[in-house]
Structures are given as C-alpha cells and as structure tokens.
Protein backbone atom coordinates (compact mmCIF):
# COMPACT_ATOMS: atom_id res chain seq x y z
CA UNK A 1 -0.36 -0.40 0.25
CA UNK A 2 1.28 3.69 -0.71
CA UNK A 3 0.69 6.31 1.61
CA UNK A 4 0.42 8.60 -1.68
CA UNK A 5 -0.64 7.18 -5.33
CA UNK A 6 -1.67 9.52 -8.02
CA UNK A 7 -2.25 9.02 -11.92
CA UNK A 8 -2.52 10.96 -14.42
CA UNK A 9 -3.12 14.06 -12.21
CA UNK A 10 -3.43 17.83 -13.44
CA UNK A 11 -3.72 21.14 -12.71
CA UNK A 12 -4.05 24.41 -14.82
CA UNK A 13 -3.99 27.86 -14.36
CA UNK A 14 -5.09 30.16 -16.90
CA UNK A 15 -4.57 27.26 -19.49
CA UNK A 16 -1.00 26.54 -18.62
CA UNK A 17 -0.68 23.34 -16.98
CA UNK A 18 1.49 23.08 -13.75
CA UNK A 19 1.09 19.30 -13.01
CA UNK A 20 0.48 17.58 -16.35
CA UNK A 21 -0.34 13.58 -15.55
CA UNK A 22 1.62 12.82 -12.87
CA UNK A 23 1.78 9.47 -11.70
CA UNK A 24 3.49 9.29 -7.74
CA UNK A 25 3.86 6.23 -5.35
CA UNK A 26 4.95 7.24 -1.95
CA UNK A 27 5.77 4.14 0.26
CA UNK A 28 4.43 4.01 3.42
CA UNK A 29 7.30 4.82 6.29
CA UNK A 30 9.05 6.60 2.98
CA UNK A 31 10.91 9.42 3.55
CA UNK A 32 10.42 10.59 0.19
CA UNK A 33 12.50 13.33 -1.25
CA UNK A 34 10.50 15.38 -3.84
CA UNK A 35 12.87 17.30 -6.12
CA UNK A 36 12.67 19.84 -9.32
CA UNK A 37 13.68 23.42 -10.33
CA UNK A 38 11.74 26.04 -9.69
CA UNK A 39 8.18 25.94 -11.38
CA UNK A 40 8.46 21.95 -11.88
CA UNK A 41 5.34 21.85 -10.08
CA UNK A 42 6.61 20.57 -6.43
CA UNK A 43 4.09 23.07 -4.89
CA UNK A 44 1.29 22.70 -6.81
CA UNK A 45 1.11 18.78 -5.89
CA UNK A 46 1.89 19.14 -2.60
CA UNK A 47 -1.13 21.90 -2.42
CA UNK A 48 -2.99 19.16 -4.15
CA UNK A 49 -2.46 16.35 -1.83
CA UNK A 50 -3.11 18.48 0.87
CA UNK A 51 -6.66 19.42 -0.80
CA UNK A 52 -5.98 23.54 -1.10
CA UNK A 53 -6.49 23.08 -4.88
CA UNK A 54 -8.50 20.83 -6.97
CA UNK A 55 -7.43 18.64 -9.46
CA UNK A 56 -8.66 19.55 -13.09
CA UNK A 57 -7.91 15.69 -13.91
CA UNK A 58 -6.43 12.42 -12.53
CA UNK A 59 -6.68 10.17 -9.15
CA UNK A 60 -4.88 11.25 -5.81
CA UNK A 61 -5.15 8.29 -3.30
CA UNK A 62 -3.90 8.73 0.52
CA UNK A 63 -3.57 5.22 1.97
CA UNK A 64 -5.93 3.28 -0.75
CA UNK A 65 -8.44 5.63 0.06
CA UNK A 66 -9.61 9.01 -1.99
CA UNK A 67 -8.06 12.19 -0.84
CA UNK A 68 -11.38 13.59 0.17
CA UNK A 69 -12.40 11.10 2.43
CA UNK A 70 -12.66 12.70 5.65
CA UNK A 71 -11.07 10.07 7.63
CA UNK A 72 -7.78 9.85 5.65
CA UNK A 73 -7.48 13.83 4.80
CA UNK A 74 -7.61 13.87 9.05
CA UNK A 75 -4.06 11.68 8.95
CA UNK A 76 -2.24 14.55 7.09
CA UNK A 77 0.01 17.02 8.15
CA UNK A 78 1.44 19.48 6.67
CA UNK A 79 4.12 22.55 6.11
CA UNK A 80 3.55 24.65 3.03
CA UNK A 81 4.92 28.07 2.62
CA UNK A 82 4.73 29.38 6.00
CA UNK A 83 3.95 28.34 9.50
CA UNK A 84 0.58 30.78 9.36
CA UNK A 85 1.55 31.58 13.45
CA UNK A 86 0.88 35.40 15.07
CA UNK A 87 4.19 36.82 16.12
CA UNK A 88 3.20 38.01 19.30
CA UNK A 89 1.65 34.71 20.58
CA UNK A 90 3.81 32.50 22.39
CA UNK A 91 5.18 29.22 20.73
CA UNK A 92 2.58 27.16 23.48
CA UNK A 93 -0.29 29.87 22.49
CA UNK A 94 -0.03 29.15 18.75
CA UNK A 95 -0.05 25.50 18.94
CA UNK A 96 -2.82 25.71 21.53
CA UNK A 97 -5.08 27.60 18.96
CA UNK A 98 -3.94 25.16 15.88
CA UNK A 99 -4.82 22.08 18.81
CA UNK A 100 -8.48 23.76 19.30
CA UNK A 101 -9.06 24.25 15.53
CA UNK A 102 -8.61 20.63 15.44
CA UNK A 103 -10.41 19.48 18.59
CA UNK A 104 -8.01 17.35 20.12
CA UNK A 105 -8.77 16.18 23.14
CA UNK A 106 -5.96 16.48 26.41
CA UNK A 107 -4.53 19.49 23.97
CA UNK A 108 -1.71 20.55 26.75
CA UNK A 109 -0.35 16.81 26.88
CA UNK A 110 -0.55 16.79 22.95
CA UNK A 111 1.32 20.37 22.77
CA UNK A 112 4.46 18.89 24.97
CA UNK A 113 4.68 16.15 22.48
CA UNK A 114 4.96 17.75 19.92
CA UNK A 115 6.98 20.10 21.38
CA UNK A 116 9.69 17.48 22.36
CA UNK A 117 9.80 16.13 19.08
CA UNK A 118 10.99 19.22 17.58
CA UNK A 119 13.17 19.53 20.54
CA UNK A 120 11.58 22.96 21.27
CA UNK A 121 10.30 22.08 25.20
CA UNK A 122 12.15 24.77 26.68
CA UNK A 123 11.15 27.68 24.00
CA UNK A 124 7.02 27.16 25.02
CA UNK A 125 6.65 30.56 25.84
CA UNK A 126 9.02 32.15 23.69
CA UNK A 127 6.94 34.59 21.58
CA UNK A 128 6.83 33.34 17.77
CA UNK A 129 8.69 36.99 16.28
CA UNK A 130 11.25 35.95 18.64
CA UNK A 131 12.56 32.56 17.00
CA UNK A 132 14.82 32.22 14.91
CA UNK A 133 14.06 30.66 11.49
CA UNK A 134 15.32 27.49 12.34
CA UNK A 135 12.84 27.55 15.36
CA UNK A 136 10.06 28.99 13.24
CA UNK A 137 10.55 25.77 10.96
CA UNK A 138 10.28 23.54 13.36
CA UNK A 139 7.63 25.10 14.95
CA UNK A 140 5.58 24.56 11.32
CA UNK A 141 6.65 21.17 11.90
CA UNK A 142 5.40 20.79 15.70
CA UNK A 143 2.06 22.39 14.03
CA UNK A 144 1.44 19.80 11.82
CA UNK A 145 2.39 17.12 13.59
CA UNK A 146 -0.59 18.23 15.95
CA UNK A 147 -2.88 15.07 16.19
CA UNK A 148 -0.44 12.22 15.22
CA UNK A 149 -0.52 12.44 11.35
CA UNK A 150 0.37 9.28 9.29
CA UNK A 151 1.43 11.73 6.34
CA UNK A 152 3.64 14.78 6.84
CA UNK A 153 3.73 16.79 3.79
CA UNK A 154 6.74 19.38 4.23
CA UNK A 155 7.61 22.54 1.41
CA UNK A 156 11.44 23.39 1.55
CA UNK A 157 11.48 23.19 5.45
CA UNK A 158 15.44 23.13 5.29
CA UNK A 159 16.20 26.08 3.41
CA UNK A 160 17.37 29.33 4.90
CA UNK A 161 18.74 26.69 7.75
CA UNK A 162 22.20 27.11 8.95
CA UNK A 163 24.63 23.97 9.45
CA UNK A 164 22.88 23.18 12.69
CA UNK A 165 19.52 24.02 11.99
CA UNK A 166 20.07 21.88 8.76
CA UNK A 167 21.28 19.10 11.18
CA UNK A 168 18.54 19.18 13.90
CA UNK A 169 15.80 19.14 11.00
CA UNK A 170 17.49 16.02 9.49
CA UNK A 171 17.12 14.14 13.16
CA UNK A 172 14.06 15.13 13.72
CA UNK A 173 12.61 13.93 10.29
CA UNK A 174 14.12 10.74 10.55
CA UNK A 175 12.89 10.21 14.41
CA UNK A 176 9.24 11.22 12.95
CA UNK A 177 9.78 8.07 10.69
CA UNK A 178 11.41 5.57 12.53
CA UNK A 179 9.68 6.29 16.02
CA UNK A 180 5.86 7.43 15.21
CA UNK A 181 5.46 5.51 11.89
CA UNK A 182 4.64 8.80 10.17
CA UNK A 183 5.29 8.82 5.76
CA UNK A 184 7.26 11.70 4.82
CA UNK A 185 7.20 14.06 1.61
CA UNK A 186 9.80 16.56 1.27
CA UNK A 187 10.71 19.07 -1.17
CA UNK A 188 13.94 20.83 -1.02
CA UNK A 189 16.68 22.28 -3.52
CA UNK A 190 19.42 21.45 -0.91
CA UNK A 191 20.11 18.16 -2.21
CA UNK A 192 22.98 17.09 -0.45
CA UNK A 193 21.11 17.41 2.75
CA UNK A 194 17.96 15.29 1.36
CA UNK A 195 20.61 12.49 0.41
CA UNK A 196 21.08 12.08 3.76
CA UNK A 197 17.82 11.30 4.97
CA UNK A 198 15.53 10.24 2.13
CA UNK A 199 14.84 6.54 1.50
CA UNK A 200 12.70 7.44 -2.13
CA UNK A 201 13.00 9.98 -4.59
CA UNK A 202 10.35 11.65 -7.27
CA UNK A 203 11.96 13.92 -10.14
CA UNK A 204 9.34 16.42 -11.76
CA UNK A 205 10.35 18.63 -14.60
CA UNK A 206 7.55 20.99 -16.16
CA UNK A 207 4.66 19.01 -14.38
CA UNK A 208 5.77 15.65 -15.16
CA UNK A 209 7.52 12.98 -13.15
CA UNK A 210 10.62 12.04 -15.14
CA UNK A 211 11.55 9.41 -12.71
CA UNK A 212 10.84 8.01 -8.62
CA UNK A 213 13.53 4.91 -7.47
CA UNK A 214 14.68 4.20 -4.09
CA UNK A 215 17.41 5.50 -2.28
CA UNK A 216 19.60 1.95 -3.08
CA UNK A 217 18.25 2.44 -6.75
CA UNK A 218 20.01 5.80 -6.84
CA UNK A 219 22.82 4.58 -5.33
CA UNK A 220 23.52 1.82 -7.75
CA UNK A 221 22.88 4.36 -10.58
CA UNK A 222 25.47 7.51 -9.85
CA UNK A 223 28.90 6.67 -11.27
CA UNK A 224 31.87 5.63 -9.95
CA UNK A 225 34.79 8.16 -10.58
CA UNK A 226 38.54 8.69 -9.75
CA UNK A 227 39.96 11.97 -9.62
CA UNK A 228 43.34 12.65 -9.93
CA UNK A 229 45.69 15.93 -10.11
CA UNK A 230 49.33 16.27 -11.60
CA UNK A 231 51.71 18.96 -11.76
CA UNK A 232 51.12 18.98 -15.42
CA UNK A 233 47.52 19.04 -15.72
CA UNK A 234 47.27 18.79 -19.63
CA UNK A 235 49.31 15.91 -20.36
CA UNK A 236 48.15 13.89 -17.88
CA UNK A 237 44.76 14.48 -19.08
CA UNK A 238 45.32 13.16 -22.40
CA UNK A 239 47.22 10.71 -21.40
CA UNK A 240 44.52 9.43 -19.31
CA UNK A 241 41.80 9.85 -22.49
CA UNK A 242 43.83 7.96 -24.52
CA UNK A 243 43.83 4.94 -21.87
CA UNK A 244 40.26 5.44 -20.89
CA UNK A 245 38.30 7.80 -23.15
CA UNK A 246 36.20 8.28 -21.05
CA UNK A 247 37.75 11.57 -18.92
CA UNK A 248 36.44 15.11 -17.75
CA UNK A 249 38.15 18.05 -16.46
CA UNK A 250 35.84 19.25 -13.42
CA UNK A 251 36.87 21.47 -10.79
CA UNK A 252 40.49 21.52 -11.00
CA UNK A 253 40.97 17.85 -11.23
CA UNK A 254 40.45 15.17 -13.99
CA UNK A 255 37.92 12.61 -13.40
CA UNK A 256 37.93 9.19 -15.33
CA UNK A 257 34.76 7.89 -14.67
CA UNK A 258 34.18 4.27 -14.63
CA UNK A 259 37.56 3.45 -12.74
CA UNK A 260 38.02 2.80 -9.64
CA UNK A 261 41.44 1.06 -10.05
CA UNK A 262 43.82 3.83 -8.84
CA UNK A 263 47.02 1.62 -8.76
CA UNK A 264 46.50 1.32 -12.24
CA UNK A 265 45.70 5.29 -12.70
CA UNK A 266 49.06 5.87 -11.58
CA UNK A 267 51.16 3.34 -13.46
CA UNK A 268 49.66 5.01 -16.29
CA UNK A 269 50.95 8.03 -15.39
CA UNK A 270 54.07 7.18 -14.28
CA UNK A 271 55.39 4.76 -17.33
CA UNK A 272 54.90 8.29 -19.06
CA UNK A 273 56.89 10.71 -16.81
CA UNK A 274 53.91 12.33 -15.74
CA UNK A 275 53.94 12.75 -11.55
CA UNK A 276 50.11 12.09 -9.71
CA UNK A 277 49.85 14.90 -6.71
CA UNK A 278 46.19 13.87 -5.40
CA UNK A 279 44.05 11.02 -6.31
CA UNK A 280 41.25 9.19 -4.55
CA UNK A 281 38.11 7.01 -5.45
CA UNK A 282 34.54 9.25 -5.49
CA UNK A 283 30.82 8.62 -6.65
CA UNK A 284 28.69 10.75 -7.92
CA UNK A 285 26.19 12.25 -5.50
CA UNK A 286 22.54 12.96 -5.66
CA UNK A 287 22.85 16.65 -7.09
CA UNK A 288 25.14 15.54 -10.18
CA UNK A 289 22.93 12.83 -10.74
CA UNK A 290 19.73 14.80 -11.08
CA UNK A 291 21.43 17.80 -12.98
CA UNK A 292 22.99 14.58 -15.54
CA UNK A 293 19.49 13.64 -15.51
CA UNK A 294 18.16 16.93 -16.23
CA UNK A 295 20.66 17.44 -19.04
CA UNK A 296 20.23 14.78 -20.50
CA UNK A 297 15.90 15.32 -20.70
CA UNK A 298 16.91 18.86 -22.66
CA UNK A 299 18.71 17.15 -25.38
C-alpha cells in the first residue's frame, strides 16, 4: 500500500499546466524526496494532496482511499509556504490555537508531545516573532504533527537554515519516521542534505514525473570515478583520455569515470613520467545525478 498514489494528475492555471499527468508513488513509512527546479510543479502537487487545490483531472489516493475521504484527510499534516503563526503569541499559544482548531482532546499533553519531538520544550513561552528561522520551521512541523498524522507533507523546510539547523531538522524527520511510523514527503533544493535522509525520490519536471527510485537504486546508478591531480594536468588528461576514453576536467581535477583502480591509473601516468600529486575514489552524489538527468532530458 502507498501513503500517496496519483494517476495522471493534472492541474492548470489560465490554460497552462503546473501539474501535467503526474504519476506518483510514496510507500508507507518512506522519507520521499520530491525534487525539481522552480516552477516544476512541486508546490502545486503538495497543495493538491493537502486539498488546498482541486485537480482538473486524474486520481489521488492516500493510504488506498480517495483524498477526499474525511477519515484519511485527518491523517495528513502539512507545512507549506509558512507556519501561519501569530508573532505576538507564544509558541505554546500558537500550538494551542491549532489544537483547538483541530478539536483535539488533552491538548496540553499533545502540545508537550510535539514540542519534545521538535526539540523545543524549553521554548514554549517564547514569542513566535522572537524565534530564529530554524525555530520557526520546527514550530511549523510541530503544528503539522498535532493530532499524530500518518503523513507529513513539507515544502522546503530546510531552506535558509544554517548547518546546525539542518542537522536538527534531519534528526527530527528521521525520528518521526522511525519512532512514529509517519510517512514524510519533503521537497528541497538542498539535495546534499536530502540525500542524507531520503529513502525514496521523485524527480519532477514541467509538471511530469521524470523518474521515481529508491535510495538504493539511486546509489547504484550514481557512477564511480577517480579524481586525479598532476603537476602537468594537460599531459595527464591526454594520457588518461587515450587510456580510458571517458575522462573530464572538472573542479580543477581530472575525472576518470567508471574506473576505481587508482593503482593502475598511477601506473599509466608514471610510465609516461607524469607525476601524480593527488588521487582519490569518488562517486557522483544526488545533486550531480539530478543535474545529469536534467541535461539528458534537455537534449
């Protein structure tokens, strides 16, 4: 069963499609990284899933039920665009207003529960306007977690955060899935951070799903390469290109793709009296994989 499943989902504005025949499959318990350039349809898709927009056509299922089902809608929490909090009210007061709005029972205990999840137990009485960006993002997640949802939809929750803020956010999202069994759909432009936590990926372009894959599948498709630096880069590049063919000069290093036998590479260069000053084995990460995939689609 999927937490989210869409079939041929479409939504247009003034005759232009923001989402165009989108097929999406988010397994239960996944951290699903939703990737795409600005204007690709990520936010529109998330708003459709949350019921903020009505689709032109297609199907949407949440936990194998129609997205319009009242019972399943109650199981969805979301943070899209902003938290909607009142600046002069405290963190606790903002959460209490949302708890009342959701008609939750034992509201105080529920607020304490979500504050603990987002590491903000000691900030309950802080006014929202005095919170840092990272704190505000965590408050938004706490708001979305009220009522213990089974699905959490987050739009760019780590953008603008510093290194420590991103680390805390990563830990929170992993805890939510592992300890609460919650499924997380998260969009982000910071692919290096997303790569550290995502179990599945969906890559969207111009409103269409280009590719869906697991983290393991992405790992297997990311090509190996060896990076080399020499005192004579031009001569080294030509020698390695003759030997291996698939060689590029990037970021001040020579990359030999699909080759991880560094000893043989050194031997090839040393036989031609080309000194090697630096050599290492590497693998293309999510960001490079994404950029390479996008460039292929443009051709």
